[in-house]
């Protein structure tokens, strides 16, 4: 089963907001980079590495990007996936619903 990441723009910030739906839980936010005990850590990359080890080469990630997001923000998440060894990544942008008069 693929792991879906929902990406949202945080204005001019380089890092997007990254939310994932977890079974039985509300959405959890993952950061690309953070500090822990004075050291720089990469929470998203670390969880992706763990999931890849657990699920093997068939592990897939789907990125659902908010409409209007800059590619540079999506690229940061794609890079984290690549660094974690995840080779199957798909992404799409959410589009506006259009009502067609009949």
Protein backbone atom coordinates (compact mmCIF):
# COMPACT_ATOMS: atom_id res chain seq x y z
CA UNK A 1 0.00 0.00 0.00
CA UNK A 2 1.44 3.41 -0.97
CA UNK A 3 2.13 6.07 1.62
CA UNK A 4 0.43 9.37 0.70
CA UNK A 5 1.98 12.69 1.65
CA UNK A 6 -0.21 15.80 1.38
CA UNK A 7 1.87 18.89 0.61
CA UNK A 8 0.77 22.46 1.25
CA UNK A 9 2.56 25.71 0.56
CA UNK A 10 3.65 27.77 3.55
CA UNK A 11 3.76 31.04 1.63
CA UNK A 12 7.30 32.03 0.74
CA UNK A 13 8.88 29.42 3.02
CA UNK A 14 11.10 26.96 1.19
CA UNK A 15 9.85 23.93 3.13
CA UNK A 16 6.24 22.89 2.49
CA UNK A 17 3.84 21.67 5.14
CA UNK A 18 3.85 17.85 4.91
CA UNK A 19 0.89 15.94 6.35
CA UNK A 20 0.21 12.22 6.34
CA UNK A 21 -2.93 10.34 7.36
CA UNK A 22 -2.04 7.61 9.84
CA UNK A 23 -4.32 4.68 10.62
CA UNK A 24 -6.55 5.47 13.56
CA UNK A 25 -4.93 8.87 14.05
CA UNK A 26 -5.38 12.39 12.84
CA UNK A 27 -3.04 13.82 10.26
CA UNK A 28 0.53 14.01 11.44
CA UNK A 29 2.96 16.64 10.22
CA UNK A 30 6.47 15.62 9.17
CA UNK A 31 9.29 18.11 8.71
CA UNK A 32 12.14 17.84 6.25
CA UNK A 33 14.65 19.18 8.75
CA UNK A 34 14.58 19.93 12.46
CA UNK A 35 16.94 20.18 15.41
CA UNK A 36 17.07 17.66 18.23
CA UNK A 37 19.54 17.93 21.07
CA UNK A 38 21.53 20.53 19.15
CA UNK A 39 21.86 18.28 16.10
CA UNK A 40 20.18 18.65 12.73
CA UNK A 41 17.83 15.74 12.01
CA UNK A 42 15.76 14.83 8.96
CA UNK A 43 12.47 13.38 10.30
CA UNK A 44 10.76 12.73 6.96
CA UNK A 45 13.80 11.05 5.44
CA UNK A 46 14.27 8.90 8.55
CA UNK A 47 10.65 7.66 8.59
CA UNK A 48 10.83 6.95 4.85
CA UNK A 49 14.02 4.92 5.37
CA UNK A 50 12.32 2.91 8.13
CA UNK A 51 9.24 2.25 6.00
CA UNK A 52 11.40 1.20 3.04
CA UNK A 53 13.29 -1.29 5.25
CA UNK A 54 10.00 -2.62 6.62
CA UNK A 55 8.13 -2.86 3.30
CA UNK A 56 10.96 -3.54 0.87
CA UNK A 57 11.47 -2.42 -2.70
CA UNK A 58 7.73 -2.34 -3.40
CA UNK A 59 7.29 0.62 -1.03
CA UNK A 60 5.68 3.55 -2.89
CA UNK A 61 5.06 7.19 -2.02
CA UNK A 62 2.38 9.42 -3.51
CA UNK A 63 2.74 13.19 -3.18
CA UNK A 64 -0.52 15.14 -3.32
CA UNK A 65 0.54 18.75 -3.85
CA UNK A 66 -1.72 21.73 -3.28
CA UNK A 67 -2.57 23.64 -6.47
CA UNK A 68 -0.21 26.53 -7.04
CA UNK A 69 2.72 25.06 -5.12
CA UNK A 70 6.11 25.93 -6.46
CA UNK A 71 8.04 22.98 -7.90
CA UNK A 72 11.00 23.91 -5.69
CA UNK A 73 8.91 22.96 -2.64
CA UNK A 74 7.88 19.63 -4.18
CA UNK A 75 11.48 19.00 -5.20
CA UNK A 76 12.61 19.12 -1.55
CA UNK A 77 10.24 16.25 -0.73
CA UNK A 78 11.29 14.32 -3.84
CA UNK A 79 14.91 14.72 -2.73
CA UNK A 80 14.08 13.37 0.76
CA UNK A 81 12.45 10.34 -0.91
CA UNK A 82 15.53 9.76 -3.08
CA UNK A 83 17.88 10.09 -0.09
CA UNK A 84 15.76 7.50 1.75
CA UNK A 85 16.14 5.08 -1.17
CA UNK A 86 12.49 5.25 -2.24
CA UNK A 87 12.50 4.76 -6.00
CA UNK A 88 8.75 4.70 -6.64
CA UNK A 89 7.33 8.20 -6.17
CA UNK A 90 4.34 9.70 -7.96
CA UNK A 91 2.94 13.16 -7.54
CA UNK A 92 -0.07 15.13 -8.63
CA UNK A 93 -1.50 18.54 -7.95
CA UNK A 94 -5.00 19.05 -6.71
CA UNK A 95 -7.12 20.90 -9.24
CA UNK A 96 -10.18 23.04 -8.86
CA UNK A 97 -13.50 21.36 -9.49
CA UNK A 98 -15.23 22.73 -12.58
CA UNK A 99 -18.99 22.71 -12.87
CA UNK A 100 -20.26 22.21 -16.40
CA UNK A 101 -23.69 23.63 -17.08
CA UNK A 102 -25.93 21.14 -18.83
